[in-house]
PDB file of N, CA and C in Angstrom:
ATOM      1  N   ASN A   1       7.271  -4.654  14.080  1.00  0.00           N
ATOM      2  CA  ASN A   1       7.046  -3.220  14.119  1.00  0.00           C
ATOM      3  C   ASN A   1       5.607  -2.889  13.746  1.00  0.00           C
ATOM      4  N   VAL A   2       5.048  -3.566  12.735  1.00  0.00           N
ATOM      5  CA  VAL A   2       3.674  -3.300  12.313  1.00  0.00           C
ATOM      6  C   VAL A   2       2.694  -3.621  13.438  1.00  0.00           C
ATOM      7  N   LEU A   3       2.854  -4.759  14.075  1.00  0.00           N
ATOM      8  CA  LEU A   3       1.926  -5.136  15.141  1.00  0.00           C
ATOM      9  C   LEU A   3       1.955  -4.153  16.302  1.00  0.00           C
ATOM     10  N   SER A   4       3.112  -3.617  16.623  1.00  0.00           N
ATOM     11  CA  SER A   4       3.204  -2.667  17.731  1.00  0.00           C
ATOM     12  C   SER A   4       2.610  -1.313  17.354  1.00  0.00           C
ATOM     13  N   ASN A   5       2.403  -1.065  16.071  1.00  0.00           N
ATOM     14  CA  ASN A   5       1.840   0.206  15.598  1.00  0.00           C
ATOM     15  C   ASN A   5       0.460   0.054  14.969  1.00  0.00           C
ATOM     16  N   TRP A   6      -0.223  -1.055  15.258  1.00  0.00           N
ATOM     17  CA  TRP A   6      -1.524  -1.303  14.641  1.00  0.00           C
ATOM     18  C   TRP A   6      -2.436  -0.106  14.875  1.00  0.00           C
ATOM     19  N   ASN A   7      -3.098   0.370  13.847  1.00  0.00           N
ATOM     20  CA  ASN A   7      -4.008   1.518  13.863  1.00  0.00           C
ATOM     21  C   ASN A   7      -3.297   2.862  13.994  1.00  0.00           C
ATOM     22  N   ASP A   8      -1.973   2.885  14.017  1.00  0.00           N
ATOM     23  CA  ASP A   8      -1.212   4.130  14.037  1.00  0.00           C
ATOM     24  C   ASP A   8      -0.472   4.269  12.711  1.00  0.00           C
ATOM     25  N   PRO A   9      -0.383   5.481  12.162  1.00  0.00           N
ATOM     26  CA  PRO A   9       0.340   5.674  10.895  1.00  0.00           C
ATOM     27  C   PRO A   9       1.824   5.303  11.018  1.00  0.00           C
ATOM     28  N   ILE A  10       2.336   4.687   9.964  1.00  0.00           N
ATOM     29  CA  ILE A  10       3.741   4.313   9.877  1.00  0.00           C
ATOM     30  C   ILE A  10       4.312   4.988   8.625  1.00  0.00           C
ATOM     31  N   ALA A  11       5.444   5.652   8.760  1.00  0.00           N
ATOM     32  CA  ALA A  11       6.132   6.228   7.603  1.00  0.00           C
ATOM     33  C   ALA A  11       6.905   5.116   6.907  1.00  0.00           C
ATOM     34  N   LEU A  12       6.660   4.940   5.614  1.00  0.00           N
ATOM     35  CA  LEU A  12       7.269   3.847   4.860  1.00  0.00           C
ATOM     36  C   LEU A  12       7.982   4.356   3.618  1.00  0.00           C
ATOM     37  N   GLU A  13       9.090   3.712   3.284  1.00  0.00           N
ATOM     38  CA  GLU A  13       9.727   3.821   1.979  1.00  0.00           C
ATOM     39  C   GLU A  13       9.671   2.422   1.406  1.00  0.00           C
ATOM     40  N   ILE A  14       9.012   2.277   0.266  1.00  0.00           N
ATOM     41  CA  ILE A  14       8.784   0.938  -0.272  1.00  0.00           C
ATOM     42  C   ILE A  14       9.178   0.856  -1.743  1.00  0.00           C
ATOM     43  N   ILE A  15       9.341  -0.377  -2.200  1.00  0.00           N
ATOM     44  CA  ILE A  15       9.682  -0.664  -3.590  1.00  0.00           C
ATOM     45  C   ILE A  15       8.501  -1.424  -4.202  1.00  0.00           C
ATOM     46  N   VAL A  16       7.993  -0.916  -5.298  1.00  0.00           N
ATOM     47  CA  VAL A  16       6.816  -1.470  -5.963  1.00  0.00           C
ATOM     48  C   VAL A  16       7.161  -2.787  -6.655  1.00  0.00           C
ATOM     49  N   GLU A  17       6.311  -3.790  -6.442  1.00  0.00           N
ATOM     50  CA  GLU A  17       6.402  -5.038  -7.200  1.00  0.00           C
ATOM     51  C   GLU A  17       5.411  -4.990  -8.363  1.00  0.00           C
ATOM     52  N   ARG A  18       4.154  -4.644  -8.041  1.00  0.00           N
ATOM     53  CA  ARG A  18       3.112  -4.496  -9.067  1.00  0.00           C
ATOM     54  C   ARG A  18       1.922  -3.760  -8.449  1.00  0.00           C
ATOM     55  N   THR A  19       0.971  -3.385  -9.287  1.00  0.00           N
ATOM     56  CA  THR A  19      -0.256  -2.739  -8.830  1.00  0.00           C
ATOM     57  C   THR A  19      -1.445  -3.568  -9.284  1.00  0.00           C
ATOM     58  N   GLU A  20      -2.548  -3.420  -8.563  1.00  0.00           N
ATOM     59  CA  GLU A  20      -3.770  -4.149  -8.917  1.00  0.00           C
ATOM     60  C   GLU A  20      -4.966  -3.441  -8.296  1.00  0.00           C
ATOM     61  N   LYS A  21      -6.154  -3.775  -8.779  1.00  0.00           N
ATOM     62  CA  LYS A  21      -7.384  -3.243  -8.198  1.00  0.00           C
ATOM     63  C   LYS A  21      -7.509  -3.751  -6.766  1.00  0.00           C
ATOM     64  N   THR A  22      -7.974  -2.889  -5.876  1.00  0.00           N
ATOM     65  CA  THR A  22      -8.175  -3.279  -4.484  1.00  0.00           C
ATOM     66  C   THR A  22      -9.475  -4.052  -4.359  1.00  0.00           C
ATOM     67  N   LEU A  23      -9.395  -5.214  -3.751  1.00  0.00           N
ATOM     68  CA  LEU A  23     -10.563  -6.043  -3.486  1.00  0.00           C
ATOM     69  C   LEU A  23     -10.607  -6.334  -1.999  1.00  0.00           C
ATOM     70  N   GLY A  24     -11.790  -6.581  -1.483  1.00  0.00           N
ATOM     71  CA  GLY A  24     -11.876  -6.970  -0.086  1.00  0.00           C
ATOM     72  C   GLY A  24     -13.078  -6.387   0.621  1.00  0.00           C
ATOM     73  N   ILE A  25     -13.341  -6.960   1.749  1.00  0.00           N
ATOM     74  CA  ILE A  25     -14.444  -6.533   2.602  1.00  0.00           C
ATOM     75  C   ILE A  25     -13.857  -5.649   3.694  1.00  0.00           C
ATOM     76  N   GLY A  26     -14.616  -4.662   4.125  1.00  0.00           N
ATOM     77  CA  GLY A  26     -14.171  -3.821   5.221  1.00  0.00           C
ATOM     78  C   GLY A  26     -13.266  -2.681   4.809  1.00  0.00           C
ATOM     79  N   LEU A  27     -13.225  -2.361   3.521  1.00  0.00           N
ATOM     80  CA  LEU A  27     -12.419  -1.238   3.055  1.00  0.00           C
ATOM     81  C   LEU A  27     -13.085   0.074   3.460  1.00  0.00           C
ATOM     82  N   PRO A  28     -12.292   1.096   3.742  1.00  0.00           N
ATOM     83  CA  PRO A  28     -12.888   2.414   3.951  1.00  0.00           C
ATOM     84  C   PRO A  28     -13.622   2.825   2.672  1.00  0.00           C
ATOM     85  N   SER A  29     -14.697   3.560   2.781  1.00  0.00           N
ATOM     86  CA  SER A  29     -15.486   3.929   1.601  1.00  0.00           C
ATOM     87  C   SER A  29     -14.638   4.665   0.558  1.00  0.00           C
ATOM     88  N   SER A  30     -13.671   5.459   0.998  1.00  0.00           N
ATOM     89  CA  SER A  30     -12.811   6.187   0.054  1.00  0.00           C
ATOM     90  C   SER A  30     -11.917   5.256  -0.765  1.00  0.00           C
ATOM     91  N   HIS A  31     -11.670   4.048  -0.267  1.00  0.00           N
ATOM     92  CA  HIS A  31     -10.761   3.122  -0.945  1.00  0.00           C
ATOM     93  C   HIS A  31     -11.487   2.135  -1.868  1.00  0.00           C
ATOM     94  N   ARG A  32     -12.820   2.117  -1.833  1.00  0.00           N
ATOM     95  CA  ARG A  32     -13.568   1.234  -2.735  1.00  0.00           C
ATOM     96  C   ARG A  32     -13.391   1.711  -4.172  1.00  0.00           C
ATOM     97  N   GLY A  33     -13.040   0.805  -5.055  1.00  0.00           N
ATOM     98  CA  GLY A  33     -12.755   1.173  -6.443  1.00  0.00           C
ATOM     99  C   GLY A  33     -11.335   1.678  -6.634  1.00  0.00           C
ATOM    100  N   GLY A  34     -10.550   1.659  -5.564  1.00  0.00           N
ATOM    101  CA  GLY A  34      -9.173   2.124  -5.630  1.00  0.00           C
ATOM    102  C   GLY A  34      -8.213   1.039  -6.077  1.00  0.00           C
ATOM    103  N   MET A  35      -6.949   1.344  -5.988  1.00  0.00           N
ATOM    104  CA  MET A  35      -5.914   0.405  -6.388  1.00  0.00           C
ATOM    105  C   MET A  35      -4.977   0.143  -5.221  1.00  0.00           C
ATOM    106  N   SER A  36      -4.283  -0.985  -5.309  1.00  0.00           N
ATOM    107  CA  SER A  36      -3.317  -1.377  -4.293  1.00  0.00           C
ATOM    108  C   SER A  36      -1.939  -1.495  -4.921  1.00  0.00           C
ATOM    109  N   ILE A  37      -0.940  -1.203  -4.106  1.00  0.00           N
ATOM    110  CA  ILE A  37       0.453  -1.354  -4.514  1.00  0.00           C
ATOM    111  C   ILE A  37       1.019  -2.534  -3.742  1.00  0.00           C
ATOM    112  N   LEU A  38       1.342  -3.620  -4.420  1.00  0.00           N
ATOM    113  CA  LEU A  38       2.020  -4.740  -3.792  1.00  0.00           C
ATOM    114  C   LEU A  38       3.496  -4.389  -3.794  1.00  0.00           C
ATOM    115  N   CYS A  39       4.111  -4.484  -2.630  1.00  0.00           N
ATOM    116  CA  CYS A  39       5.444  -3.921  -2.480  1.00  0.00           C
ATOM    117  C   CYS A  39       6.227  -4.632  -1.381  1.00  0.00           C
ATOM    118  N   HIS A  40       7.449  -4.166  -1.176  1.00  0.00           N
ATOM    119  CA  HIS A  40       8.268  -4.618  -0.065  1.00  0.00           C
ATOM    120  C   HIS A  40       9.142  -3.469   0.411  1.00  0.00           C
ATOM    121  N   THR A  41       9.518  -3.557   1.666  1.00  0.00           N
ATOM    122  CA  THR A  41      10.412  -2.540   2.231  1.00  0.00           C
ATOM    123  C   THR A  41      11.848  -2.873   1.811  1.00  0.00           C
ATOM    124  N   ASN A  42      12.762  -1.975   2.105  1.00  0.00           N
ATOM    125  CA  ASN A  42      14.173  -2.223   1.789  1.00  0.00           C
ATOM    126  C   ASN A  42      14.698  -3.453   2.515  1.00  0.00           C
ATOM    127  N   SER A  43      14.102  -3.781   3.677  1.00  0.00           N
ATOM    128  CA  SER A  43      14.531  -4.965   4.420  1.00  0.00           C
ATOM    129  C   SER A  43      13.849  -6.235   3.927  1.00  0.00           C
ATOM    130  N   GLY A  44      12.926  -6.106   2.945  1.00  0.00           N
ATOM    131  CA  GLY A  44      12.296  -7.278   2.355  1.00  0.00           C
ATOM    132  C   GLY A  44      10.927  -7.634   2.906  1.00  0.00           C
ATOM    133  N   THR A  45      10.382  -6.852   3.833  1.00  0.00           N
ATOM    134  CA  THR A  45       9.062  -7.123   4.385  1.00  0.00           C
ATOM    135  C   THR A  45       7.990  -6.848   3.332  1.00  0.00           C
ATOM    136  N   ALA A  46       7.130  -7.837   3.065  1.00  0.00           N
ATOM    137  CA  ALA A  46       6.079  -7.714   2.053  1.00  0.00           C
ATOM    138  C   ALA A  46       4.883  -6.959   2.618  1.00  0.00           C
ATOM    139  N   ALA A  47       4.271  -6.117   1.773  1.00  0.00           N
ATOM    140  CA  ALA A  47       3.116  -5.330   2.194  1.00  0.00           C
ATOM    141  C   ALA A  47       2.234  -5.018   0.991  1.00  0.00           C
ATOM    142  N   VAL A  48       1.028  -4.557   1.284  1.00  0.00           N
ATOM    143  CA  VAL A  48       0.100  -4.037   0.280  1.00  0.00           C
ATOM    144  C   VAL A  48      -0.353  -2.677   0.780  1.00  0.00           C
ATOM    145  N   ILE A  49      -0.173  -1.650  -0.037  1.00  0.00           N
ATOM    146  CA  ILE A  49      -0.642  -0.314   0.299  1.00  0.00           C
ATOM    147  C   ILE A  49      -1.927  -0.079  -0.492  1.00  0.00           C
ATOM    148  N   ARG A  50      -3.044   0.096   0.227  1.00  0.00           N
ATOM    149  CA  ARG A  50      -4.335   0.327  -0.419  1.00  0.00           C
ATOM    150  C   ARG A  50      -4.600   1.832  -0.460  1.00  0.00           C
ATOM    151  N   LEU A  51      -4.943   2.327  -1.650  1.00  0.00           N
ATOM    152  CA  LEU A  51      -5.137   3.762  -1.850  1.00  0.00           C
ATOM    153  C   LEU A  51      -6.535   4.069  -2.353  1.00  0.00           C
ATOM    154  N   PRO A  52      -7.007   5.309  -2.115  1.00  0.00           N
ATOM    155  CA  PRO A  52      -8.334   5.704  -2.594  1.00  0.00           C
ATOM    156  C   PRO A  52      -8.408   5.728  -4.117  1.00  0.00           C
ATOM    157  N   ALA A  53      -9.633   5.637  -4.631  1.00  0.00           N
ATOM    158  CA  ALA A  53      -9.862   5.671  -6.079  1.00  0.00           C
ATOM    159  C   ALA A  53      -9.344   6.966  -6.698  1.00  0.00           C
ATOM    160  N   SER A  54      -9.293   8.032  -5.936  1.00  0.00           N
ATOM    161  CA  SER A  54      -8.810   9.313  -6.461  1.00  0.00           C
ATOM    162  C   SER A  54      -7.327   9.255  -6.858  1.00  0.00           C
ATOM    163  N   ASN A  55      -6.606   8.244  -6.423  1.00  0.00           N
ATOM    164  CA  ASN A  55      -5.181   8.090  -6.754  1.00  0.00           C
ATOM    165  C   ASN A  55      -4.944   7.106  -7.897  1.00  0.00           C
ATOM    166  N   ASN A  56      -5.999   6.546  -8.493  1.00  0.00           N
ATOM    167  CA  ASN A  56      -5.834   5.490  -9.495  1.00  0.00           C
ATOM    168  C   ASN A  56      -4.915   5.889 -10.646  1.00  0.00           C
ATOM    169  N   ASP A  57      -5.042   7.109 -11.160  1.00  0.00           N
ATOM    170  CA  ASP A  57      -4.193   7.528 -12.287  1.00  0.00           C
ATOM    171  C   ASP A  57      -2.714   7.520 -11.907  1.00  0.00           C
ATOM    172  N   ASP A  58      -2.397   7.999 -10.709  1.00  0.00           N
ATOM    173  CA  ASP A  58      -1.000   8.012 -10.258  1.00  0.00           C
ATOM    174  C   ASP A  58      -0.482   6.596 -10.014  1.00  0.00           C
ATOM    175  N   VAL A  59      -1.314   5.728  -9.467  1.00  0.00           N
ATOM    176  CA  VAL A  59      -0.893   4.355  -9.184  1.00  0.00           C
ATOM    177  C   VAL A  59      -0.603   3.604 -10.479  1.00  0.00           C
ATOM    178  N   THR A  60      -1.414   3.798 -11.504  1.00  0.00           N
ATOM    179  CA  THR A  60      -1.210   3.059 -12.757  1.00  0.00           C
ATOM    180  C   THR A  60       0.084   3.456 -13.455  1.00  0.00           C
ATOM    181  N   GLN A  61       0.660   4.608 -13.102  1.00  0.00           N
ATOM    182  CA  GLN A  61       1.933   5.032 -13.695  1.00  0.00           C
ATOM    183  C   GLN A  61       3.137   4.346 -13.056  1.00  0.00           C
ATOM    184  N   LEU A  62       2.960   3.733 -11.898  1.00  0.00           N
ATOM    185  CA  LEU A  62       4.069   3.068 -11.204  1.00  0.00           C
ATOM    186  C   LEU A  62       4.480   1.799 -11.929  1.00  0.00           C
ATOM    187  N   LYS A  63       5.753   1.551 -11.945  1.00  0.00           N
ATOM    188  CA  LYS A  63       6.315   0.352 -12.575  1.00  0.00           C
ATOM    189  C   LYS A  63       7.017  -0.480 -11.517  1.00  0.00           C
ATOM    190  N   SER A  64       7.247  -1.740 -11.819  1.00  0.00           N
ATOM    191  CA  SER A  64       8.014  -2.604 -10.926  1.00  0.00           C
ATOM    192  C   SER A  64       9.381  -1.982 -10.700  1.00  0.00           C
ATOM    193  N   GLY A  65       9.766  -1.863  -9.438  1.00  0.00           N
ATOM    194  CA  GLY A  65      11.039  -1.258  -9.088  1.00  0.00           C
ATOM    195  C   GLY A  65      10.938   0.203  -8.692  1.00  0.00           C
ATOM    196  N   SER A  66       9.766   0.829  -8.925  1.00  0.00           N
ATOM    197  CA  SER A  66       9.573   2.214  -8.489  1.00  0.00           C
ATOM    198  C   SER A  66       9.696   2.300  -6.978  1.00  0.00           C
ATOM    199  N   SER A  67      10.201   3.410  -6.480  1.00  0.00           N
ATOM    200  CA  SER A  67      10.304   3.646  -5.043  1.00  0.00           C
ATOM    201  C   SER A  67       9.337   4.752  -4.665  1.00  0.00           C
ATOM    202  N   ILE A  68       8.616   4.563  -3.565  1.00  0.00           N
ATOM    203  CA  ILE A  68       7.693   5.582  -3.086  1.00  0.00           C
ATOM    204  C   ILE A  68       7.791   5.726  -1.573  1.00  0.00           C
ATOM    205  N   ARG A  69       7.284   6.857  -1.077  1.00  0.00           N
ATOM    206  CA  ARG A  69       7.142   7.114   0.360  1.00  0.00           C
ATOM    207  C   ARG A  69       5.666   7.326   0.642  1.00  0.00           C
ATOM    208  N   CYS A  70       5.234   6.860   1.803  1.00  0.00           N
ATOM    209  CA  CYS A  70       3.865   7.135   2.214  1.00  0.00           C
ATOM    210  C   CYS A  70       3.744   6.956   3.719  1.00  0.00           C
ATOM    211  N   SER A  71       2.665   7.476   4.234  1.00  0.00           N
ATOM    212  CA  SER A  71       2.280   7.235   5.616  1.00  0.00           C
ATOM    213  C   SER A  71       1.052   6.351   5.525  1.00  0.00           C
ATOM    214  N   ALA A  72       1.082   5.205   6.186  1.00  0.00           N
ATOM    215  CA  ALA A  72      -0.009   4.246   6.050  1.00  0.00           C
ATOM    216  C   ALA A  72      -0.353   3.627   7.401  1.00  0.00           C
ATOM    217  N   ILE A  73      -1.610   3.242   7.534  1.00  0.00           N
ATOM    218  CA  ILE A  73      -2.103   2.643   8.778  1.00  0.00           C
ATOM    219  C   ILE A  73      -2.337   1.151   8.550  1.00  0.00           C
ATOM    220  N   PRO A  74      -1.708   0.281   9.341  1.00  0.00           N
ATOM    221  CA  PRO A  74      -1.955  -1.154   9.222  1.00  0.00           C
ATOM    222  C   PRO A  74      -3.444  -1.450   9.431  1.00  0.00           C
ATOM    223  N   ALA A  75      -4.021  -2.241   8.526  1.00  0.00           N
ATOM    224  CA  ALA A  75      -5.460  -2.465   8.570  1.00  0.00           C
ATOM    225  C   ALA A  75      -5.862  -3.935   8.543  1.00  0.00           C
ATOM    226  N   ALA A  76      -5.061  -4.802   7.930  1.00  0.00           N
ATOM    227  CA  ALA A  76      -5.475  -6.205   7.784  1.00  0.00           C
ATOM    228  C   ALA A  76      -4.265  -7.077   7.469  1.00  0.00           C
ATOM    229  N   TRP A  77      -4.416  -8.366   7.727  1.00  0.00           N
ATOM    230  CA  TRP A  77      -3.419  -9.352   7.336  1.00  0.00           C
ATOM    231  C   TRP A  77      -3.991 -10.145   6.181  1.00  0.00           C
ATOM    232  N   ILE A  78      -3.268 -10.258   5.087  1.00  0.00           N
ATOM    233  CA  ILE A  78      -3.701 -11.026   3.926  1.00  0.00           C
ATOM    234  C   ILE A  78      -2.932 -12.342   3.954  1.00  0.00           C
ATOM    235  N   SER A  79      -3.558 -13.361   4.522  1.00  0.00           N
ATOM    236  CA  SER A  79      -2.854 -14.629   4.729  1.00  0.00           C
ATOM    237  C   SER A  79      -2.499 -15.315   3.417  1.00  0.00           C
ATOM    238  N   GLY A  80      -3.337 -15.183   2.390  1.00  0.00           N
ATOM    239  CA  GLY A  80      -3.064 -15.827   1.112  1.00  0.00           C
ATOM    240  C   GLY A  80      -1.817 -15.284   0.428  1.00  0.00           C
ATOM    241  N   GLN A  81      -1.457 -14.046   0.754  1.00  0.00           N
ATOM    242  CA  GLN A  81      -0.272 -13.421   0.171  1.00  0.00           C
ATOM    243  C   GLN A  81       0.846 -13.250   1.187  1.00  0.00           C
ATOM    244  N   ASN A  82       0.556 -13.578   2.447  1.00  0.00           N
ATOM    245  CA  ASN A  82       1.519 -13.425   3.538  1.00  0.00           C
ATOM    246  C   ASN A  82       2.052 -11.986   3.601  1.00  0.00           C
ATOM    247  N   ARG A  83       1.105 -11.030   3.552  1.00  0.00           N
ATOM    248  CA  ARG A  83       1.433  -9.610   3.556  1.00  0.00           C
ATOM    249  C   ARG A  83       0.488  -8.867   4.495  1.00  0.00           C
ATOM    250  N   VAL A  84       0.972  -7.774   5.038  1.00  0.00           N
ATOM    251  CA  VAL A  84       0.118  -6.877   5.799  1.00  0.00           C
ATOM    252  C   VAL A  84      -0.447  -5.847   4.818  1.00  0.00           C
ATOM    253  N   ALA A  85      -1.739  -5.532   4.983  1.00  0.00           N
ATOM    254  CA  ALA A  85      -2.381  -4.493   4.177  1.00  0.00           C
ATOM    255  C   ALA A  85      -2.429  -3.211   5.002  1.00  0.00           C
ATOM    256  N   LEU A  86      -2.023  -2.128   4.385  1.00  0.00           N
ATOM    257  CA  LEU A  86      -2.023  -0.829   5.042  1.00  0.00           C
ATOM    258  C   LEU A  86      -2.825   0.148   4.195  1.00  0.00           C
ATOM    259  N   ASP A  87      -3.593   1.014   4.846  1.00  0.00           N
ATOM    260  CA  ASP A  87      -4.382   2.018   4.138  1.00  0.00           C
ATOM    261  C   ASP A  87      -3.641   3.344   4.165  1.00  0.00           C
ATOM    262  N   SER A  88      -3.572   3.981   2.998  1.00  0.00           N
ATOM    263  CA  SER A  88      -2.916   5.276   2.876  1.00  0.00           C
ATOM    264  C   SER A  88      -3.811   6.191   2.057  1.00  0.00           C
ATOM    265  N   GLU A  89      -3.647   7.477   2.237  1.00  0.00           N
ATOM    266  CA  GLU A  89      -4.424   8.451   1.474  1.00  0.00           C
ATOM    267  C   GLU A  89      -3.667   8.947   0.252  1.00  0.00           C
ATOM    268  N   SER A  90      -2.330   8.842   0.266  1.00  0.00           N
ATOM    269  CA  SER A  90      -1.534   9.332  -0.855  1.00  0.00           C
ATOM    270  C   SER A  90      -0.120   8.760  -0.758  1.00  0.00           C
ATOM    271  N   PHE A  91       0.672   9.051  -1.765  1.00  0.00           N
ATOM    272  CA  PHE A  91       2.075   8.634  -1.751  1.00  0.00           C
ATOM    273  C   PHE A  91       2.906   9.647  -2.512  1.00  0.00           C
ATOM    274  N   GLU A  92       4.214   9.581  -2.288  1.00  0.00           N
ATOM    275  CA  GLU A  92       5.162  10.451  -2.977  1.00  0.00           C
ATOM    276  C   GLU A  92       6.137   9.570  -3.731  1.00  0.00           C
ATOM    277  N   ARG A  93       6.312   9.839  -5.006  1.00  0.00           N
ATOM    278  CA  ARG A  93       7.266   9.074  -5.810  1.00  0.00           C
ATOM    279  C   ARG A  93       8.679   9.538  -5.522  1.00  0.00           C
ATOM    280  N   ILE A  94       9.573   8.584  -5.286  1.00  0.00           N
ATOM    281  CA  ILE A  94      10.988   8.887  -5.139  1.00  0.00           C
ATOM    282  C   ILE A  94      11.674   8.623  -6.477  1.00  0.00           C
ATOM    283  N   HIS A  95      11.318   7.489  -7.065  1.00  0.00           N
ATOM    284  CA  HIS A  95      11.911   7.045  -8.341  1.00  0.00           C
ATOM    285  C   HIS A  95      10.845   6.272  -9.088  1.00  0.00           C
ATOM    286  N   LEU A  96      10.549   6.683 -10.320  1.00  0.00           N
ATOM    287  CA  LEU A  96       9.530   6.012 -11.121  1.00  0.00           C
ATOM    288  C   LEU A  96      10.166   4.903 -11.895  1.00  0.00           C
TER     289      LEU A  96
END
C-alpha cells in the first residue's frame, strides 16, 4: 500500500513503540531538529513518522502503547530498521 501511494498522503492509525530525535539526510527543513515516532500499524507494519521540531513537546509526551492518527507522506526506506519513513506535519492522540 505504501509503495502504491509514494509521495501521496496516507491516513494512518498507529501504535507508538518509542520516540527519538530525527536524524538523516534529505529531511524537509521544517523537520530538522524534530522528533520521530517509531511505530506500527494495527496490522503490524513497522514505520517511522517524522515530525517538525514544532511538535517536539507533544511527541515527548507519547508513551509506548499510545495510539495516534496522522496523515503522512512516504519519504524514505530505512533499511537498517526495516521500516518506511513518512513525513507528517502533525498528529492527533487517540490514547496516551
